[in-house]
Amino acid sequence: MKVSKANEKKNFLLTRSLRKIFLRPTIIKKISSISPSLSLRFRHFLVKGYFPNLKKPITFDEKLIWLNLHWQHPLKTICADKYTMRSYVESNGLGHILTPLLGVYQDPHEIDFTKLPDRFVLKCTHGCGFNILCLNKKDLDINAVKQKLNKWIRTDISKIYGEIHYASMKPKIICEIFLNDLSAELPIDYKVFCFNGKAHCIMVCLGRNIVGHAKYYLYYDLDWKKIPYNKQSILENVDATKPSAFDEMIESAEILSKPFPHVRIDYYNIKDRAVLGEMTFTSQACIHPDHTELAQIIMGALLILPEKLG
């Protein structure tokens, strides 16, 4: 959405000082626990410089916020949960794209680390970023891992950024195989943005570090032509190779995304096969600070809002 130059300057001066105060996680969490709607509107203002129009949403972020607040389909919660998602994937005949499980736990103290391989991944199933990547078990501080998992599994992520569909999840811990065999590099993320059962584009996350952040975020259309959806990538002379499992990613993503107005489906390309990571309905907690205006307008137009539900 366009903002006038005068308002843009005024908002910039205001938000620059407000960001330092109100974008602190503790403050956002307090606001979200009171009102998810207020939290999302306010955070959008702090990041974008204007309040979202939720009566007649136009941009991608405005429509994501609307969906988060007004469309609570139960399948959305099932598929956003990293464990219950598996049954949905299997019911669509796609169990072969799931990462093999090593264990499922209700509590970190149930994990028998002596029975796990040298490399594995632990994930809490009810949120984003609750991951522990073990590259070498002999270097792992097991007590520290249990403490971290214990904190995460008791965290209600719906109260952090107002992502309502996380509230009804029953937290679990899953242990998956480490996908990159003996390589020290983390696998590249391929994130497919789907709208009403049709893939639109794919975001490639290059240079991921151990906590999951990438150095580059590149967007490609379905013909593997780079598209200017990320502000940083416009300035960077960086390219990504089309994954060998690209067709399998797109085909399976379109099957899995059919019931939803929008979902982002994440994959890895392992040994020329697509491996599913997760399904995300509120990417970037509904607000994408690095999106270009083109990305916001095009994906906003593709996201056709359903009738309110829940």
Protein backbone atom coordinates (compact mmCIF):
# COMPACT_ATOMS: atom_id res chain seq x y z
CA MET A 1 0.00 0.00 0.00
CA LYS A 2 1.30 3.45 -0.95
CA VAL A 3 1.94 5.95 1.84
CA SER A 4 2.27 9.68 1.09
CA LYS A 5 5.77 11.17 1.37
CA ALA A 6 4.71 13.48 4.20
CA ASN A 7 3.11 10.66 6.16
CA GLU A 8 6.03 8.38 5.38
CA LYS A 9 8.50 10.87 6.89
CA LYS A 10 6.27 11.52 9.89
CA ASN A 11 5.76 7.82 10.48
CA PHE A 12 9.46 7.11 10.09
CA LEU A 13 10.42 9.62 12.78
CA LEU A 14 7.76 8.25 15.10
CA THR A 15 8.41 4.56 14.50
CA ARG A 16 12.20 4.86 14.75
CA SER A 17 11.92 5.71 18.44
CA LEU A 18 8.95 3.45 19.08
CA ARG A 19 10.66 0.40 17.55
CA LYS A 20 13.38 0.50 20.19
CA ILE A 21 10.76 0.25 22.89
CA PHE A 22 7.91 -1.83 21.53
CA LEU A 23 9.61 -4.39 19.28
CA ARG A 24 11.20 -5.98 22.32
CA PRO A 25 9.88 -9.57 22.60
CA THR A 26 8.72 -9.04 26.19
CA ILE A 27 6.60 -6.03 25.22
CA ILE A 28 5.13 -7.71 22.13
CA LYS A 29 4.30 -10.79 24.20
CA LYS A 30 2.43 -8.71 26.79
CA ILE A 31 0.38 -6.98 24.07
CA SER A 32 -0.32 -10.30 22.28
CA SER A 33 -1.57 -11.93 25.49
CA ILE A 34 -4.10 -9.09 25.83
CA SER A 35 -5.14 -8.81 22.17
CA PRO A 36 -3.65 -10.62 19.15
CA SER A 37 -5.38 -8.10 16.89
CA LEU A 38 -3.85 -5.11 18.68
CA SER A 39 -0.43 -6.76 18.69
CA LEU A 40 -0.48 -7.49 14.95
CA ARG A 41 -1.79 -4.03 14.03
CA PHE A 42 0.75 -2.28 16.18
CA ARG A 43 3.67 -4.41 15.04
CA HIS A 44 2.67 -3.82 11.41
CA PHE A 45 2.75 -0.08 12.09
CA LEU A 46 6.18 -0.28 13.71
CA VAL A 47 7.64 -2.35 10.86
CA LYS A 48 5.83 -0.87 7.84
CA GLY A 49 5.09 2.67 9.00
CA TYR A 50 1.29 2.46 8.70
CA PHE A 51 -1.56 0.53 10.27
CA PRO A 52 -2.93 -2.39 8.22
CA ASN A 53 -6.30 -2.01 6.53
CA LEU A 54 -8.17 -5.07 7.79
CA LYS A 55 -11.60 -3.95 6.57
CA LYS A 56 -10.43 -4.00 2.96
CA PRO A 57 -7.04 -5.73 3.05
CA ILE A 58 -4.93 -5.45 -0.10
CA THR A 59 -1.32 -6.36 0.66
CA PHE A 60 -0.06 -9.86 1.40
CA ASP A 61 0.67 -8.98 5.03
CA GLU A 62 -2.74 -7.37 5.56
CA LYS A 63 -4.44 -10.50 4.25
CA LEU A 64 -2.22 -12.79 6.35
CA ILE A 65 -3.23 -10.83 9.44
CA TRP A 66 -6.90 -11.07 8.43
CA LEU A 67 -6.63 -14.84 7.92
CA ASN A 68 -4.87 -15.25 11.26
CA LEU A 69 -7.63 -13.38 13.07
CA HIS A 70 -10.71 -14.55 11.15
CA TRP A 71 -10.12 -18.00 9.59
CA GLN A 72 -9.60 -20.71 12.19
CA HIS A 73 -10.02 -23.91 10.20
CA PRO A 74 -9.07 -26.94 12.37
CA LEU A 75 -6.94 -28.38 9.55
CA LYS A 76 -4.77 -25.29 9.81
CA THR A 77 -3.76 -26.22 13.36
CA ILE A 78 -3.21 -29.88 12.41
CA CYS A 79 -0.89 -28.98 9.54
CA ALA A 80 1.06 -26.27 11.39
CA ASP A 81 1.90 -28.78 14.13
CA LYS A 82 5.09 -30.58 13.02
CA TYR A 83 3.87 -33.92 14.35
CA THR A 84 0.14 -34.00 13.49
CA MET A 85 1.02 -32.62 10.03
CA ARG A 86 2.48 -36.03 9.27
CA SER A 87 -0.92 -37.76 9.34
CA TYR A 88 -2.31 -35.18 6.90
CA VAL A 89 0.63 -35.69 4.53
CA GLU A 90 0.27 -39.48 4.73
CA SER A 91 -3.49 -39.25 4.08
CA ASN A 92 -2.63 -37.54 0.79
CA GLY A 93 -0.37 -40.41 -0.25
CA LEU A 94 2.81 -38.41 0.37
CA GLY A 95 4.31 -40.18 3.36
CA HIS A 96 7.49 -40.77 1.36
CA ILE A 97 8.41 -37.06 1.51
CA LEU A 98 8.42 -36.98 5.34
CA THR A 99 11.66 -36.96 7.31
CA PRO A 100 12.10 -40.28 9.17
CA LEU A 101 11.37 -40.03 12.90
CA LEU A 102 13.69 -41.34 15.60
CA GLY A 103 11.35 -40.61 18.50
CA VAL A 104 8.34 -38.70 19.85
CA TYR A 105 8.30 -37.40 23.44
CA GLN A 106 5.95 -35.58 25.80
CA ASP A 107 8.80 -34.40 28.01
CA PRO A 108 12.55 -33.85 27.46
CA HIS A 109 13.37 -36.25 30.30
CA GLU A 110 11.87 -39.11 28.24
CA ILE A 111 14.67 -38.79 25.66
CA ASP A 112 17.26 -41.55 25.90
CA PHE A 113 20.25 -39.88 24.26
CA THR A 114 22.27 -43.12 24.43
CA LYS A 115 19.94 -44.61 21.81
CA LEU A 116 20.21 -41.69 19.38
CA PRO A 117 22.77 -41.55 16.55
CA ASP A 118 25.68 -39.11 16.54
CA ARG A 119 23.73 -36.62 14.41
CA PHE A 120 20.04 -35.78 14.83
CA VAL A 121 17.55 -32.93 15.09
CA LEU A 122 15.21 -32.25 18.03
CA LYS A 123 12.13 -30.10 17.43
CA CYS A 124 9.24 -28.89 19.52
CA THR A 125 6.18 -29.40 17.37
CA HIS A 126 4.08 -26.39 18.35
CA GLY A 127 6.01 -23.39 17.07
CA CYS A 128 8.77 -21.86 15.02
CA GLY A 129 12.47 -21.85 15.86
CA PHE A 130 12.27 -24.53 18.56
CA ASN A 131 15.00 -26.66 16.97
CA ILE A 132 18.24 -28.21 18.19
CA LEU A 133 20.66 -29.51 15.56
CA CYS A 134 23.17 -32.00 16.88
CA LEU A 135 26.17 -32.40 14.56
CA ASN A 136 28.18 -34.52 16.99
CA LYS A 137 26.61 -36.11 20.06
CA LYS A 138 29.86 -36.26 22.01
CA ASP A 139 29.95 -32.44 22.00
CA LEU A 140 26.32 -32.11 23.13
CA ASP A 141 25.54 -30.63 26.55
CA ILE A 142 22.59 -32.87 27.34
CA ASN A 143 21.54 -31.00 30.48
CA ALA A 144 21.51 -27.69 28.60
CA VAL A 145 19.47 -29.29 25.81
CA LYS A 146 16.91 -30.63 28.29
CA GLN A 147 16.63 -27.21 29.95
CA LYS A 148 16.05 -25.52 26.61
CA LEU A 149 13.46 -28.07 25.53
CA ASN A 150 11.75 -27.83 28.90
CA LYS A 151 11.40 -24.07 28.45
CA TRP A 152 10.18 -24.35 24.87
CA ILE A 153 7.60 -27.06 25.47
CA ARG A 154 5.96 -24.86 28.12
CA THR A 155 5.86 -21.83 25.83
CA ASP A 156 2.51 -20.82 24.33
CA ILE A 157 3.70 -19.38 21.04
CA SER A 158 0.25 -17.97 20.27
CA LYS A 159 0.90 -15.37 22.95
CA ILE A 160 4.22 -14.22 21.48
CA TYR A 161 3.13 -12.82 18.11
CA GLY A 162 -0.62 -13.40 18.21
CA GLU A 163 -0.62 -16.44 15.90
CA ILE A 164 -3.93 -17.83 17.11
CA HIS A 165 -3.86 -21.31 15.55
CA TYR A 166 -0.93 -22.33 17.78
CA ALA A 167 -3.02 -21.97 20.94
CA SER A 168 -4.82 -25.32 20.66
CA MET A 169 -1.75 -27.44 19.89
CA LYS A 170 -0.56 -30.10 22.31
CA PRO A 171 3.23 -29.62 22.48
CA LYS A 172 5.48 -32.58 21.79
CA ILE A 173 9.15 -33.11 21.01
CA ILE A 174 10.14 -35.04 17.92
CA CYS A 175 13.57 -36.35 16.97
CA GLU A 176 14.37 -36.60 13.26
CA ILE A 177 17.36 -37.88 11.36
CA PHE A 178 19.92 -35.27 10.34
CA LEU A 179 19.35 -34.93 6.62
CA ASN A 180 22.78 -33.99 5.32
CA ASP A 181 24.51 -37.27 6.18
CA LEU A 182 28.16 -36.52 7.04
CA SER A 183 28.26 -33.04 5.54
CA ALA A 184 28.95 -30.14 7.89
CA GLU A 185 26.68 -27.88 5.84
CA LEU A 186 23.01 -27.43 6.63
CA PRO A 187 20.63 -28.27 3.78
CA ILE A 188 19.21 -25.44 1.69
CA ASP A 189 15.61 -24.45 2.46
CA TYR A 190 13.15 -24.24 -0.44
CA LYS A 191 9.91 -22.54 0.60
CA VAL A 192 6.97 -22.80 -1.81
CA PHE A 193 4.27 -20.11 -1.54
CA CYS A 194 0.90 -21.60 -2.50
CA PHE A 195 -2.51 -19.99 -3.02
CA ASN A 196 -5.68 -22.10 -3.25
CA GLY A 197 -3.79 -25.18 -4.33
CA LYS A 198 -1.49 -23.47 -6.83
CA ALA A 199 2.21 -22.82 -6.31
CA HIS A 200 3.24 -19.25 -7.13
CA CYS A 201 6.92 -18.93 -6.28
CA ILE A 202 9.72 -20.48 -4.27
CA MET A 203 12.04 -18.79 -1.80
CA VAL A 204 15.54 -20.22 -1.53
CA CYS A 205 17.41 -19.74 1.75
CA LEU A 206 21.16 -19.88 1.12
CA GLY A 207 23.90 -20.04 3.73
CA ARG A 208 21.87 -21.18 6.73
CA ASN A 209 23.59 -21.13 10.10
CA ILE A 210 23.04 -23.42 13.07
CA VAL A 211 20.11 -21.36 14.41
CA GLY A 212 18.36 -21.36 11.06
CA HIS A 213 19.06 -17.88 9.71
CA ALA A 214 20.19 -17.63 6.09
CA LYS A 215 22.61 -15.23 4.43
CA TYR A 216 20.49 -14.84 1.30
CA TYR A 217 16.77 -15.10 0.60
CA LEU A 218 16.14 -15.44 -3.14
CA TYR A 219 12.76 -15.72 -4.87
CA TYR A 220 12.14 -17.61 -8.11
CA ASP A 221 9.06 -18.14 -10.24
CA LEU A 222 8.05 -21.59 -11.48
CA ASP A 223 10.26 -21.17 -14.57
CA TRP A 224 13.21 -20.61 -12.22
CA LYS A 225 13.58 -16.94 -13.09
CA LYS A 226 14.61 -14.72 -10.20
CA ILE A 227 11.89 -12.29 -9.14
CA PRO A 228 12.44 -9.10 -7.09
CA TYR A 229 10.47 -10.01 -3.98
CA ASN A 230 13.23 -9.48 -1.41
CA LYS A 231 14.83 -6.07 -0.89
CA GLN A 232 18.24 -7.55 -0.10
CA SER A 233 18.37 -9.93 -3.05
CA ILE A 234 17.86 -7.08 -5.52
CA LEU A 235 21.23 -5.67 -4.45
CA GLU A 236 23.09 -8.99 -4.28
CA ASN A 237 24.65 -10.66 -7.30
CA VAL A 238 23.83 -14.12 -6.00
CA ASP A 239 22.00 -16.95 -7.70
CA ALA A 240 20.77 -20.40 -6.71
CA THR A 241 20.74 -23.63 -8.68
CA LYS A 242 17.35 -25.12 -9.42
CA PRO A 243 16.96 -28.17 -7.14
CA SER A 244 16.84 -31.56 -8.80
CA ALA A 245 13.60 -32.35 -6.89
CA PHE A 246 11.91 -29.10 -7.99
CA ASP A 247 9.06 -30.82 -9.86
CA GLU A 248 8.37 -33.12 -6.92
CA MET A 249 8.30 -30.12 -4.57
CA ILE A 250 5.78 -28.23 -6.70
CA GLU A 251 3.58 -31.26 -7.37
CA SER A 252 3.35 -32.27 -3.70
CA ALA A 253 2.93 -28.66 -2.53
CA GLU A 254 -0.08 -28.21 -4.79
CA ILE A 255 -1.68 -31.38 -3.42
CA LEU A 256 -1.11 -30.40 0.21
CA SER A 257 -2.18 -26.77 -0.24
CA LYS A 258 -5.59 -27.42 -1.84
CA PRO A 259 -7.74 -26.79 1.27
CA PHE A 260 -6.06 -23.49 2.13
CA PRO A 261 -6.30 -19.91 0.86
CA HIS A 262 -2.57 -19.69 1.50
CA VAL A 263 0.17 -21.86 2.94
CA ARG A 264 3.94 -21.87 2.61
CA ILE A 265 5.35 -25.38 2.32
CA ASP A 266 9.04 -25.89 3.11
CA TYR A 267 11.31 -28.51 1.58
CA TYR A 268 14.86 -29.79 1.42
CA ASN A 269 16.47 -31.37 -1.64
CA ILE A 270 18.13 -34.56 -0.39
CA LYS A 271 19.64 -37.12 -2.77
CA ASP A 272 17.46 -35.82 -5.62
CA ARG A 273 14.30 -36.21 -3.54
CA ALA A 274 11.98 -33.65 -1.98
CA VAL A 275 11.86 -33.87 1.82
CA LEU A 276 9.13 -31.94 3.61
CA GLY A 277 10.11 -29.60 6.43
CA GLU A 278 6.91 -27.93 7.58
CA MET A 279 3.73 -26.12 6.59
CA THR A 280 3.50 -22.47 7.61
CA PHE A 281 0.36 -20.30 7.62
CA THR A 282 1.72 -17.15 9.24
CA SER A 283 5.21 -16.78 7.79
CA GLN A 284 7.27 -14.07 9.51
CA ALA A 285 4.39 -13.89 12.01
CA CYS A 286 2.33 -12.20 9.25
CA ILE A 287 4.71 -9.28 8.67
CA HIS A 288 7.51 -9.39 6.08
CA PRO A 289 9.88 -6.45 6.60
CA ASP A 290 12.13 -7.51 3.69
CA HIS A 291 9.40 -7.86 1.08
CA THR A 292 9.35 -5.42 -1.80
CA GLU A 293 6.14 -3.58 -2.62
CA LEU A 294 5.85 -5.77 -5.73
CA ALA A 295 5.81 -8.93 -3.59
CA GLN A 296 3.19 -7.48 -1.28
CA ILE A 297 0.88 -6.42 -4.10
CA ILE A 298 1.19 -9.54 -6.30
CA MET A 299 0.89 -12.07 -3.48
CA GLY A 300 -1.83 -9.97 -1.90
CA ALA A 301 -3.84 -10.21 -5.12
CA LEU A 302 -3.32 -13.97 -5.25
CA LEU A 303 -4.57 -14.47 -1.69
CA ILE A 304 -8.35 -14.67 -2.06
CA LEU A 305 -9.91 -14.36 1.37
CA PRO A 306 -12.58 -16.91 2.34
CA GLU A 307 -15.64 -16.35 4.51
CA LYS A 308 -14.86 -15.86 8.18
CA LEU A 309 -14.52 -19.08 10.14
CA GLY A 310 -14.12 -19.46 13.90
